[in-house]
Amino acid sequence: MKKCCALNPARFRFLRIPDTLHLDRGYASEALLPELAALERVKILSGPEPMRFGADGLEDPWW
């Protein structure tokens, strides 16, 4: 996200999915949640939480 050149990080919208064959789950940015919540076919399972990183700087496995 540092490299995306977002002018306002609080408004940065992204959806992290395992891959395009598995769209049944993912992590959404807080800025995207209202739009997703308005969709009937989307179920929000939890609220915002911090992203996790391992010792090597990569995110911990989350699937």
N, C-alpha and C. Protein backbone atom coordinates (compact mmCIF):
# COMPACT_ATOMS: atom_id res chain seq x y z
N MET A 1 0.81 -1.18 0.00
CA MET A 1 0.00 0.00 0.00
C MET A 1 0.86 1.26 0.00
N LYS A 2 2.08 1.15 0.51
CA LYS A 2 2.97 2.31 0.48
C LYS A 2 3.23 2.74 -0.96
N LYS A 3 3.27 1.82 -1.87
CA LYS A 3 3.64 2.11 -3.26
C LYS A 3 2.47 2.55 -4.13
N CYS A 4 1.27 2.60 -3.60
CA CYS A 4 0.12 2.91 -4.45
C CYS A 4 -0.08 4.40 -4.68
N CYS A 5 0.64 5.25 -3.98
CA CYS A 5 0.56 6.71 -4.14
C CYS A 5 -0.81 7.27 -3.76
N ALA A 6 -1.47 6.65 -2.80
CA ALA A 6 -2.77 7.15 -2.36
C ALA A 6 -2.58 8.51 -1.69
N LEU A 7 -3.37 9.49 -2.12
CA LEU A 7 -3.26 10.82 -1.54
C LEU A 7 -3.82 10.87 -0.13
N ASN A 8 -4.86 10.09 0.13
CA ASN A 8 -5.48 10.05 1.44
C ASN A 8 -5.60 8.59 1.87
N PRO A 9 -4.66 8.08 2.68
CA PRO A 9 -4.68 6.67 3.06
C PRO A 9 -5.98 6.24 3.74
N ALA A 10 -6.66 7.15 4.42
CA ALA A 10 -7.92 6.80 5.08
C ALA A 10 -9.02 6.46 4.08
N ARG A 11 -8.88 6.92 2.85
CA ARG A 11 -9.87 6.64 1.81
C ARG A 11 -9.43 5.54 0.85
N PHE A 12 -8.28 4.95 1.11
CA PHE A 12 -7.74 3.89 0.26
C PHE A 12 -8.66 2.67 0.31
N ARG A 13 -9.13 2.21 -0.85
CA ARG A 13 -10.06 1.09 -0.92
C ARG A 13 -9.38 -0.09 -1.59
N PHE A 14 -9.42 -1.24 -0.93
CA PHE A 14 -8.89 -2.45 -1.55
C PHE A 14 -9.62 -3.67 -1.00
N LEU A 15 -9.58 -4.73 -1.77
CA LEU A 15 -10.16 -6.01 -1.38
C LEU A 15 -9.10 -7.06 -1.63
N ARG A 16 -8.71 -7.76 -0.59
CA ARG A 16 -7.69 -8.81 -0.71
C ARG A 16 -8.40 -10.16 -0.76
N ILE A 17 -8.18 -10.89 -1.84
CA ILE A 17 -8.80 -12.21 -2.04
C ILE A 17 -7.70 -13.24 -2.26
N PRO A 18 -7.99 -14.53 -2.01
CA PRO A 18 -6.97 -15.56 -2.24
C PRO A 18 -6.55 -15.61 -3.71
N ASP A 19 -7.53 -15.62 -4.60
CA ASP A 19 -7.31 -15.62 -6.05
C ASP A 19 -8.68 -15.44 -6.71
N THR A 20 -8.71 -15.27 -8.01
CA THR A 20 -9.97 -14.99 -8.69
C THR A 20 -10.90 -16.19 -8.78
N LEU A 21 -10.44 -17.36 -8.41
CA LEU A 21 -11.31 -18.53 -8.37
C LEU A 21 -12.01 -18.66 -7.02
N HIS A 22 -11.58 -17.90 -6.04
CA HIS A 22 -12.14 -17.97 -4.69
C HIS A 22 -12.57 -16.57 -4.24
N LEU A 23 -13.74 -16.17 -4.69
CA LEU A 23 -14.26 -14.85 -4.36
C LEU A 23 -15.25 -14.90 -3.20
N ASP A 24 -15.31 -16.04 -2.52
CA ASP A 24 -16.27 -16.19 -1.43
C ASP A 24 -15.78 -15.61 -0.11
N ARG A 25 -14.53 -15.19 -0.05
CA ARG A 25 -13.99 -14.60 1.18
C ARG A 25 -12.85 -13.65 0.83
N GLY A 26 -12.63 -12.71 1.71
CA GLY A 26 -11.54 -11.77 1.50
C GLY A 26 -11.50 -10.75 2.62
N TYR A 27 -10.51 -9.90 2.57
CA TYR A 27 -10.37 -8.81 3.52
C TYR A 27 -10.54 -7.50 2.76
N ALA A 28 -11.37 -6.62 3.31
CA ALA A 28 -11.64 -5.33 2.67
C ALA A 28 -11.11 -4.20 3.55
N SER A 29 -10.70 -3.14 2.90
CA SER A 29 -10.27 -1.96 3.65
C SER A 29 -11.49 -1.32 4.31
N GLU A 30 -11.23 -0.59 5.38
CA GLU A 30 -12.32 0.06 6.11
C GLU A 30 -13.10 1.02 5.22
N ALA A 31 -12.42 1.67 4.29
CA ALA A 31 -13.07 2.61 3.38
C ALA A 31 -14.02 1.91 2.42
N LEU A 32 -13.82 0.64 2.16
CA LEU A 32 -14.66 -0.11 1.22
C LEU A 32 -15.86 -0.76 1.91
N LEU A 33 -15.83 -0.92 3.23
CA LEU A 33 -16.88 -1.63 3.95
C LEU A 33 -18.29 -1.08 3.72
N PRO A 34 -18.53 0.23 3.75
CA PRO A 34 -19.90 0.72 3.52
C PRO A 34 -20.47 0.29 2.17
N GLU A 35 -19.65 0.34 1.14
CA GLU A 35 -20.11 -0.06 -0.19
C GLU A 35 -20.43 -1.55 -0.23
N LEU A 36 -19.60 -2.37 0.39
CA LEU A 36 -19.84 -3.81 0.43
C LEU A 36 -21.07 -4.14 1.26
N ALA A 37 -21.27 -3.44 2.37
CA ALA A 37 -22.41 -3.69 3.24
C ALA A 37 -23.74 -3.39 2.54
N ALA A 38 -23.72 -2.52 1.56
CA ALA A 38 -24.94 -2.18 0.82
C ALA A 38 -25.34 -3.27 -0.18
N LEU A 39 -24.47 -4.23 -0.43
CA LEU A 39 -24.75 -5.29 -1.39
C LEU A 39 -25.43 -6.47 -0.69
N GLU A 40 -26.57 -6.92 -1.22
CA GLU A 40 -27.30 -8.05 -0.63
C GLU A 40 -26.48 -9.32 -0.61
N ARG A 41 -25.69 -9.54 -1.62
CA ARG A 41 -24.96 -10.80 -1.74
C ARG A 41 -23.67 -10.85 -0.93
N VAL A 42 -23.36 -9.78 -0.21
CA VAL A 42 -22.14 -9.72 0.60
C VAL A 42 -22.51 -9.77 2.08
N LYS A 43 -21.79 -10.59 2.83
CA LYS A 43 -21.99 -10.69 4.27
C LYS A 43 -20.69 -10.25 4.96
N ILE A 44 -20.78 -9.23 5.78
CA ILE A 44 -19.62 -8.75 6.54
C ILE A 44 -19.53 -9.60 7.81
N LEU A 45 -18.44 -10.32 7.97
CA LEU A 45 -18.29 -11.24 9.10
C LEU A 45 -17.70 -10.60 10.34
N SER A 46 -16.92 -9.54 10.17
CA SER A 46 -16.34 -8.86 11.32
C SER A 46 -15.99 -7.43 10.92
N GLY A 47 -15.71 -6.63 11.91
CA GLY A 47 -15.34 -5.25 11.67
C GLY A 47 -13.86 -5.11 11.36
N PRO A 48 -13.40 -3.88 11.26
CA PRO A 48 -12.00 -3.62 10.94
C PRO A 48 -11.05 -4.20 12.00
N GLU A 49 -9.91 -4.65 11.54
CA GLU A 49 -8.85 -5.12 12.43
C GLU A 49 -7.52 -4.84 11.76
N PRO A 50 -6.46 -4.70 12.54
CA PRO A 50 -5.15 -4.40 11.94
C PRO A 50 -4.64 -5.56 11.09
N MET A 51 -3.90 -5.22 10.06
CA MET A 51 -3.25 -6.26 9.25
C MET A 51 -2.10 -6.84 10.05
N ARG A 52 -1.84 -8.13 9.87
CA ARG A 52 -0.78 -8.81 10.62
C ARG A 52 0.41 -9.07 9.72
N PHE A 53 1.59 -8.93 10.30
CA PHE A 53 2.82 -9.16 9.57
C PHE A 53 3.71 -10.10 10.36
N GLY A 54 4.38 -10.99 9.66
CA GLY A 54 5.31 -11.92 10.28
C GLY A 54 6.69 -11.31 10.44
N ALA A 55 7.61 -12.08 10.97
CA ALA A 55 8.96 -11.60 11.22
C ALA A 55 9.68 -11.18 9.94
N ASP A 56 9.35 -11.81 8.81
CA ASP A 56 10.01 -11.48 7.55
C ASP A 56 9.34 -10.32 6.82
N GLY A 57 8.34 -9.71 7.45
CA GLY A 57 7.67 -8.57 6.84
C GLY A 57 6.46 -8.94 6.01
N LEU A 58 6.27 -10.20 5.70
CA LEU A 58 5.11 -10.63 4.93
C LEU A 58 3.94 -10.85 5.87
N GLU A 59 2.73 -10.75 5.34
CA GLU A 59 1.58 -10.99 6.18
C GLU A 59 1.53 -12.45 6.61
N ASP A 60 1.07 -12.64 7.83
CA ASP A 60 0.86 -14.00 8.31
C ASP A 60 -0.21 -14.66 7.44
N PRO A 61 -0.18 -15.98 7.29
CA PRO A 61 -1.23 -16.67 6.53
C PRO A 61 -2.60 -16.39 7.15
N TRP A 62 -3.57 -16.16 6.33
CA TRP A 62 -4.89 -15.84 6.85
C TRP A 62 -6.02 -16.59 6.15
N TRP A 63 -5.72 -17.59 5.34
CA TRP A 63 -6.80 -18.37 4.71
C TRP A 63 -6.98 -19.65 5.44
